[in-house]
Amino acid sequence: MMEWKIDGKNYRLPEKLTEFQFQMYVHLIDWKWTHITEEPGYYRGTPYDAFFPEGMLDEMYPLSRHIVARAKKLSFKQHKFFHHMASSQAACINLFLPIMSDPVVAATILSAARPDIAKIATEYLDNGFQFELWSAPWQNYGSRGVLNDHTKGAGTDSDFAVTYYDKDGHLCLWLIEHKLTEQGFTRCGGYRSRANRFPANCNSIDAKTVMLNSGSLCYYSAHCGYQYWDFTQEPHFSVQNIAQYPKCPFKEDLNQLWRNQTLARALETAPIQKSFFSVVYHPHNPALGSHLREFEQLAPIRFSHFATNLLVRKAESLDNHAIKEWAKWYRELYYF
């Protein structure tokens, strides 16, 4: 932890922050001090101004007060740092839960990022959506999920999922990963694992060989039994483009994107006819672009990415007072 003095105010912040993260943290802390509390929270015994104090955790800050009651009724696993002003999970819920309060409004706003949306399929999931989706009621794969990777401490989850009908009447599933201040994506735990006896394979065996062996040369497959390679298939992936890599392309920042795209593919079973995966990110966060563009070459058909302000601008254009008020609040809170 480091203390910074800015305009006569002291800020207790993490030691290593990028310029974007620093600006966001200072803004979010100012917002917390102005609108909620000046009391810090603690992490491992150290006070941080971006955290909320223990006595306020049940109030689900930093969620909007307008959605707390509804959020408490939803079934989702809170992230470790949910009660932090820069929580990406909380920002995701602040973004999507107000939009989904009206299926007609939701279809209109979300169509800014997915133009094929005609109608939210409210008869699936929780009125057409779900946070932290890792399995689906139309499948029965037990406690480990469709990718066989879900445990108490690990597994592939989609931050947000929507079921909708496209303009041709197809039932579709859209998985969305939300990023706020993060500078990258989760990397491969199998590559870094101490139990991985052959990590050199990840750097020396070309991706084509791995695919031809159904991922059996991958620690995730051979040791853990995860089924990511089984679902690395067309049309969700360009097998030809992946095969051109001289080593595993998914051992670093593309790993989380790969796993989420395989989750979308694995969940594409009846009644779902098409599934998609997207990343939504803060419009002023420059760190994710190169990873997103690279992955787009590996998954050019069913993958997309967009900035949060695309949805906020669409909301602002509607003749709907409540959604306009939410858009104004969201824009002010998340500083764009």
Protein backbone atom coordinates (compact mmCIF):
# COMPACT_ATOMS: atom_id res chain seq x y z
CA MET A 1 0.00 0.00 0.00
CA MET A 2 1.15 3.55 -0.77
CA GLU A 3 -0.23 6.89 0.36
CA TRP A 4 -0.67 9.67 -2.18
CA LYS A 5 -1.51 13.30 -1.36
CA ILE A 6 -3.65 14.92 -4.08
CA ASP A 7 -5.30 18.32 -3.67
CA GLY A 8 -4.84 18.12 0.08
CA LYS A 9 -6.42 14.64 0.37
CA ASN A 10 -4.60 11.42 1.26
CA TYR A 11 -5.34 8.30 -0.80
CA ARG A 12 -4.32 4.80 0.28
CA LEU A 13 -3.77 2.85 -2.93
CA PRO A 14 -2.05 -0.31 -4.19
CA GLU A 15 1.62 0.22 -4.99
CA LYS A 16 1.58 -0.70 -8.68
CA LEU A 17 -1.04 1.02 -10.82
CA THR A 18 -1.00 2.12 -14.43
CA GLU A 19 -1.90 5.72 -15.27
CA PHE A 20 -5.43 4.66 -16.20
CA GLN A 21 -5.85 2.61 -13.02
CA PHE A 22 -4.52 5.44 -10.87
CA GLN A 23 -6.98 7.95 -12.37
CA MET A 24 -9.87 5.50 -11.99
CA TYR A 25 -9.01 4.63 -8.38
CA VAL A 26 -8.77 8.28 -7.34
CA HIS A 27 -12.08 9.08 -9.06
CA LEU A 28 -13.85 6.05 -7.57
CA ILE A 29 -12.56 6.80 -4.08
CA ASP A 30 -13.70 10.43 -4.39
CA TRP A 31 -17.12 9.13 -5.46
CA LYS A 32 -17.24 6.77 -2.48
CA TRP A 33 -16.24 9.52 -0.06
CA THR A 34 -18.86 11.91 -1.49
CA HIS A 35 -21.80 9.52 -1.84
CA ILE A 36 -21.27 6.69 0.66
CA THR A 37 -18.56 6.79 3.32
CA GLU A 38 -15.02 7.97 4.02
CA GLU A 39 -14.31 4.91 6.15
CA PRO A 40 -11.78 2.53 4.56
CA GLY A 41 -11.95 -1.21 4.27
CA TYR A 42 -9.15 -3.60 5.16
CA TYR A 43 -7.28 -6.21 3.17
CA ARG A 44 -4.88 -8.45 5.08
CA GLY A 45 -4.93 -5.96 7.93
CA THR A 46 -4.04 -2.96 5.77
CA PRO A 47 -6.53 -0.11 5.19
CA TYR A 48 -7.45 0.77 1.59
CA ASP A 49 -9.75 3.60 0.64
CA ALA A 50 -11.26 1.74 -2.33
CA PHE A 51 -12.55 -1.06 -0.08
CA PHE A 52 -15.72 -0.88 2.01
CA PRO A 53 -15.65 -1.46 5.78
CA GLU A 54 -16.78 -4.84 7.06
CA GLY A 55 -19.95 -3.44 8.61
CA MET A 56 -21.23 -2.37 5.17
CA LEU A 57 -20.62 -5.58 3.23
CA ASP A 58 -24.21 -6.86 3.54
CA GLU A 59 -25.38 -3.72 1.73
CA MET A 60 -23.65 -4.93 -1.45
CA TYR A 61 -21.75 -1.73 -2.18
CA PRO A 62 -20.74 -0.54 -4.75
CA LEU A 63 -24.00 -1.64 -6.40
CA SER A 64 -26.57 1.01 -7.24
CA ARG A 65 -29.12 1.34 -4.45
CA HIS A 66 -31.85 0.90 -7.06
CA ILE A 67 -30.84 -2.69 -7.86
CA VAL A 68 -29.65 -4.06 -4.50
CA ALA A 69 -32.95 -5.70 -3.59
CA ARG A 70 -33.13 -7.45 -6.95
CA ALA A 71 -29.45 -8.41 -6.89
CA LYS A 72 -29.91 -10.11 -3.51
CA LYS A 73 -32.53 -12.39 -5.07
CA LEU A 74 -30.19 -13.56 -7.82
CA SER A 75 -28.10 -16.67 -7.50
CA PHE A 76 -24.47 -15.86 -8.27
CA LYS A 77 -21.12 -16.27 -6.55
CA GLN A 78 -19.61 -13.00 -5.38
CA HIS A 79 -15.99 -12.46 -6.31
CA LYS A 80 -13.39 -12.05 -3.58
CA PHE A 81 -13.08 -8.31 -4.19
CA PHE A 82 -16.74 -7.57 -4.89
CA HIS A 83 -16.81 -4.88 -2.16
CA HIS A 84 -14.21 -2.70 -3.88
CA MET A 85 -15.00 0.44 -5.83
CA ALA A 86 -13.09 -0.94 -8.84
CA SER A 87 -14.80 -4.34 -8.69
CA SER A 88 -15.35 -5.52 -12.25
CA GLN A 89 -18.11 -7.87 -11.11
CA ALA A 90 -20.01 -5.09 -9.36
CA ALA A 91 -19.55 -2.83 -12.40
CA CYS A 92 -20.91 -5.64 -14.59
CA ILE A 93 -24.04 -5.94 -12.46
CA ASN A 94 -24.41 -2.15 -12.36
CA LEU A 95 -24.28 -2.18 -16.15
CA PHE A 96 -26.57 -5.05 -17.05
CA LEU A 97 -29.12 -5.48 -14.26
CA PRO A 98 -30.84 -2.10 -14.86
CA ILE A 99 -30.90 -2.80 -18.60
CA MET A 100 -32.52 -6.21 -18.08
CA SER A 101 -35.32 -4.84 -15.87
CA ASP A 102 -37.43 -4.46 -19.03
CA PRO A 103 -36.97 -7.10 -21.77
CA VAL A 104 -38.08 -4.68 -24.51
CA VAL A 105 -35.63 -2.01 -23.36
CA ALA A 106 -32.95 -4.69 -22.98
CA ALA A 107 -33.35 -5.90 -26.56
CA THR A 108 -33.13 -2.32 -27.84
CA ILE A 109 -30.00 -1.41 -25.87
CA LEU A 110 -28.16 -4.71 -26.33
CA SER A 111 -28.79 -4.60 -30.08
CA ALA A 112 -26.19 -1.82 -30.21
CA ALA A 113 -23.60 -4.54 -29.64
CA ARG A 114 -25.50 -7.52 -31.11
CA PRO A 115 -27.59 -6.21 -34.02
CA ASP A 116 -29.22 -9.61 -34.58
CA ILE A 117 -31.23 -9.41 -31.33
CA ALA A 118 -34.98 -9.33 -31.93
CA LYS A 119 -36.38 -10.34 -28.54
CA ILE A 120 -35.07 -11.44 -25.14
CA ALA A 121 -35.93 -15.12 -24.50
CA THR A 122 -37.33 -14.55 -21.02
CA GLU A 123 -38.38 -18.19 -20.60
CA TYR A 124 -34.73 -19.22 -20.20
CA LEU A 125 -32.27 -18.58 -17.37
CA ASP A 126 -33.59 -15.94 -14.92
CA ASN A 127 -36.05 -14.02 -17.11
CA GLY A 128 -33.56 -14.19 -19.97
CA PHE A 129 -30.25 -13.56 -18.22
CA GLN A 130 -27.84 -14.80 -15.56
CA PHE A 131 -24.64 -13.62 -13.89
CA GLU A 132 -21.69 -16.01 -13.44
CA LEU A 133 -23.06 -18.68 -15.77
CA TRP A 134 -21.02 -21.89 -15.96
CA SER A 135 -23.68 -24.46 -16.74
CA ALA A 136 -27.21 -24.37 -18.10
CA PRO A 137 -30.57 -25.93 -17.20
CA TRP A 138 -30.93 -27.38 -20.71
CA GLN A 139 -27.88 -29.57 -20.03
CA ASN A 140 -27.08 -32.08 -17.31
CA TYR A 141 -23.35 -32.33 -16.75
CA GLY A 142 -23.25 -32.54 -12.98
CA SER A 143 -21.30 -30.43 -10.55
CA ARG A 144 -18.21 -30.04 -12.76
CA GLY A 145 -20.08 -28.44 -15.64
CA VAL A 146 -19.98 -28.94 -19.38
CA LEU A 147 -16.20 -28.31 -19.59
CA ASN A 148 -15.51 -30.63 -16.63
CA ASP A 149 -13.48 -27.83 -15.02
CA HIS A 150 -15.75 -26.48 -12.30
CA THR A 151 -14.55 -26.95 -8.72
CA LYS A 152 -14.95 -24.96 -5.52
CA GLY A 153 -11.96 -22.79 -6.34
CA ALA A 154 -11.76 -22.86 -10.14
CA GLY A 155 -13.68 -23.13 -13.35
CA THR A 156 -14.81 -21.17 -16.37
CA ASP A 157 -17.66 -18.75 -15.73
CA SER A 158 -19.32 -16.15 -17.92
CA ASP A 159 -19.72 -12.82 -16.13
CA PHE A 160 -23.07 -12.29 -17.84
CA ALA A 161 -25.27 -14.38 -20.11
CA VAL A 162 -28.34 -13.51 -22.19
CA THR A 163 -30.77 -15.74 -24.06
CA TYR A 164 -32.50 -14.13 -27.03
CA TYR A 165 -34.22 -14.78 -30.33
CA ASP A 166 -32.48 -13.40 -33.39
CA LYS A 167 -34.24 -11.88 -36.38
CA ASP A 168 -34.50 -15.31 -38.03
CA GLY A 169 -36.20 -16.78 -34.97
CA HIS A 170 -33.14 -18.76 -33.75
CA LEU A 171 -32.72 -19.17 -30.00
CA CYS A 172 -29.30 -17.75 -29.13
CA LEU A 173 -27.04 -17.60 -26.07
CA TRP A 174 -24.68 -14.65 -25.60
CA LEU A 175 -21.88 -14.87 -23.03
CA ILE A 176 -20.14 -11.66 -21.96
CA GLU A 177 -16.88 -11.12 -20.05
CA HIS A 178 -16.72 -7.71 -18.34
CA LYS A 179 -13.49 -5.83 -17.64
CA LEU A 180 -13.10 -2.53 -15.81
CA THR A 181 -9.52 -1.63 -14.78
CA GLU A 182 -7.87 -5.00 -15.53
CA GLN A 183 -4.75 -4.85 -17.67
CA GLY A 184 -5.04 -8.35 -19.08
CA PHE A 185 -6.86 -11.65 -18.91
CA THR A 186 -6.38 -14.68 -16.69
CA ARG A 187 -3.46 -16.80 -17.87
CA CYS A 188 -3.12 -20.56 -18.02
CA GLY A 189 -2.97 -22.12 -14.57
CA GLY A 190 -1.92 -25.45 -16.08
CA TYR A 191 1.20 -23.94 -17.62
CA ARG A 192 2.20 -22.40 -14.28
CA SER A 193 1.21 -25.38 -12.14
CA ARG A 194 3.98 -27.07 -10.13
CA ALA A 195 2.33 -30.38 -10.95
CA ASN A 196 2.90 -29.80 -14.68
CA ARG A 197 5.91 -32.00 -15.41
CA PHE A 198 6.28 -30.83 -18.99
CA PRO A 199 5.71 -27.05 -19.15
CA ALA A 200 8.25 -26.89 -21.97
CA ASN A 201 5.66 -28.57 -24.21
CA CYS A 202 3.59 -25.39 -24.06
CA ASN A 203 6.43 -23.48 -25.71
CA SER A 204 7.76 -26.11 -28.11
CA ILE A 205 4.85 -28.13 -29.52
CA ASP A 206 2.92 -26.36 -32.25
CA ALA A 207 -0.81 -25.80 -31.83
CA LYS A 208 -1.65 -28.01 -34.81
CA THR A 209 -0.03 -31.02 -33.13
CA VAL A 210 -1.94 -30.34 -29.92
CA MET A 211 -5.25 -30.16 -31.79
CA LEU A 212 -4.55 -33.33 -33.78
CA ASN A 213 -3.96 -35.12 -30.48
CA SER A 214 -7.27 -33.82 -29.06
CA GLY A 215 -5.36 -31.79 -26.49
CA SER A 216 -3.81 -34.88 -24.88
CA LEU A 217 -0.44 -33.06 -24.84
CA CYS A 218 -2.01 -30.27 -22.77
CA TYR A 219 -1.81 -30.40 -18.97
CA TYR A 220 -5.39 -29.19 -18.70
CA SER A 221 -6.59 -32.19 -20.72
CA ALA A 222 -4.19 -34.96 -19.76
CA HIS A 223 -3.94 -34.25 -16.03
CA CYS A 224 -7.11 -32.30 -15.16
CA GLY A 225 -9.56 -33.77 -17.63
CA TYR A 226 -10.73 -30.34 -18.76
CA GLN A 227 -12.39 -30.37 -22.16
CA TYR A 228 -11.29 -27.07 -23.66
CA TRP A 229 -9.60 -28.64 -26.68
CA ASP A 230 -12.65 -30.83 -27.33
CA PHE A 231 -14.66 -27.66 -27.98
CA THR A 232 -12.00 -25.75 -29.89
CA GLN A 233 -13.98 -26.24 -33.07
CA GLU A 234 -15.51 -24.41 -35.98
CA PRO A 235 -17.48 -22.14 -36.22
CA HIS A 236 -16.41 -20.76 -32.84
CA PHE A 237 -12.74 -20.97 -33.74
CA SER A 238 -10.66 -20.72 -36.87
CA VAL A 239 -8.82 -24.03 -36.59
CA GLN A 240 -6.61 -23.00 -39.51
CA ASN A 241 -5.45 -19.81 -37.79
CA ILE A 242 -4.81 -21.58 -34.48
CA ALA A 243 -2.78 -24.28 -36.25
CA GLN A 244 -0.31 -21.69 -37.53
CA TYR A 245 1.01 -20.96 -34.02
CA PRO A 246 4.43 -22.56 -33.33
CA LYS A 247 3.42 -23.04 -29.67
CA CYS A 248 0.26 -23.01 -27.59
CA PRO A 249 -1.44 -19.65 -28.17
CA PHE A 250 -3.54 -20.03 -25.03
CA LYS A 251 -0.95 -20.21 -22.26
CA GLU A 252 -0.91 -16.48 -21.57
CA ASP A 253 -3.43 -13.64 -22.00
CA LEU A 254 -5.58 -15.46 -24.54
CA ASN A 255 -6.29 -18.28 -22.09
CA GLN A 256 -9.35 -16.77 -20.44
CA LEU A 257 -10.78 -15.76 -23.81
CA TRP A 258 -10.22 -19.28 -25.13
CA ARG A 259 -11.95 -20.88 -22.17
CA ASN A 260 -14.96 -18.59 -22.40
CA GLN A 261 -15.26 -19.21 -26.12
CA THR A 262 -15.16 -22.97 -25.52
CA LEU A 263 -17.88 -22.51 -22.88
CA ALA A 264 -20.05 -20.78 -25.46
CA ARG A 265 -19.42 -23.63 -27.89
CA ALA A 266 -20.11 -26.32 -25.26
CA LEU A 267 -23.43 -24.71 -24.28
CA GLU A 268 -24.58 -24.62 -27.89
CA THR A 269 -26.87 -27.64 -27.64
CA ALA A 270 -30.65 -27.94 -28.00
CA PRO A 271 -32.60 -25.78 -27.55
CA ILE A 272 -29.79 -23.24 -28.15
CA GLN A 273 -29.14 -22.92 -31.87
CA LYS A 274 -26.32 -20.36 -31.83
CA SER A 275 -24.02 -19.08 -29.13
CA PHE A 276 -21.65 -16.13 -29.01
CA PHE A 277 -18.99 -14.68 -26.73
CA SER A 278 -18.03 -11.02 -26.26
CA VAL A 279 -15.82 -8.88 -24.07
CA VAL A 280 -17.03 -5.48 -22.86
CA TYR A 281 -14.45 -3.08 -21.43
CA HIS A 282 -14.06 0.46 -20.14
CA PRO A 283 -13.69 2.88 -23.08
CA HIS A 284 -10.57 4.51 -21.62
CA ASN A 285 -8.73 1.31 -20.73
CA PRO A 286 -6.06 0.86 -23.44
CA ALA A 287 -4.50 -2.33 -22.12
CA LEU A 288 -6.77 -5.02 -23.56
CA GLY A 289 -6.81 -4.05 -27.23
CA SER A 290 -3.89 -6.12 -28.52
CA HIS A 291 -5.16 -9.30 -26.84
CA LEU A 292 -8.67 -8.78 -28.18
CA ARG A 293 -7.46 -8.18 -31.72
CA GLU A 294 -5.25 -11.26 -31.63
CA PHE A 295 -8.05 -13.47 -30.31
CA GLU A 296 -10.40 -12.06 -32.92
CA GLN A 297 -8.19 -13.68 -35.56
CA LEU A 298 -8.58 -17.04 -33.82
CA ALA A 299 -12.35 -16.70 -33.34
CA PRO A 300 -13.53 -14.38 -36.12
CA ILE A 301 -17.17 -15.47 -36.41
CA ARG A 302 -18.66 -15.94 -32.93
CA PHE A 303 -16.45 -13.50 -30.96
CA SER A 304 -16.72 -9.73 -30.62
CA HIS A 305 -15.70 -6.92 -28.30
CA PHE A 306 -17.02 -3.46 -27.52
CA ALA A 307 -16.72 -0.61 -25.03
CA THR A 308 -19.27 0.03 -22.30
CA ASN A 309 -20.17 3.45 -23.64
CA LEU A 310 -21.74 1.79 -26.70
CA LEU A 311 -24.57 0.55 -24.48
CA VAL A 312 -24.71 3.71 -22.38
CA ARG A 313 -25.05 5.92 -25.47
CA LYS A 314 -27.87 3.71 -26.76
CA ALA A 315 -29.63 4.01 -23.40
CA GLU A 316 -29.25 7.78 -23.47
CA SER A 317 -30.96 7.90 -26.87
CA LEU A 318 -34.17 6.26 -25.61
CA ASP A 319 -37.30 8.11 -24.55
CA ASN A 320 -37.21 6.47 -21.13
CA HIS A 321 -36.61 8.61 -18.04
CA ALA A 322 -35.55 5.77 -15.73
CA ILE A 323 -33.01 4.32 -18.15
CA LYS A 324 -31.64 7.80 -18.94
CA GLU A 325 -31.14 8.43 -15.21
CA TRP A 326 -29.33 5.12 -14.87
CA ALA A 327 -27.10 5.93 -17.87
CA LYS A 328 -26.18 9.30 -16.36
CA TRP A 329 -25.36 7.66 -13.02
CA TYR A 330 -23.30 4.91 -14.62
CA ARG A 331 -21.34 7.35 -16.78
CA GLU A 332 -20.55 9.55 -13.78
CA LEU A 333 -19.56 6.67 -11.51
CA TYR A 334 -17.29 4.94 -14.00
CA TYR A 335 -15.75 8.13 -15.35
CA PHE A 336 -16.33 8.33 -19.08
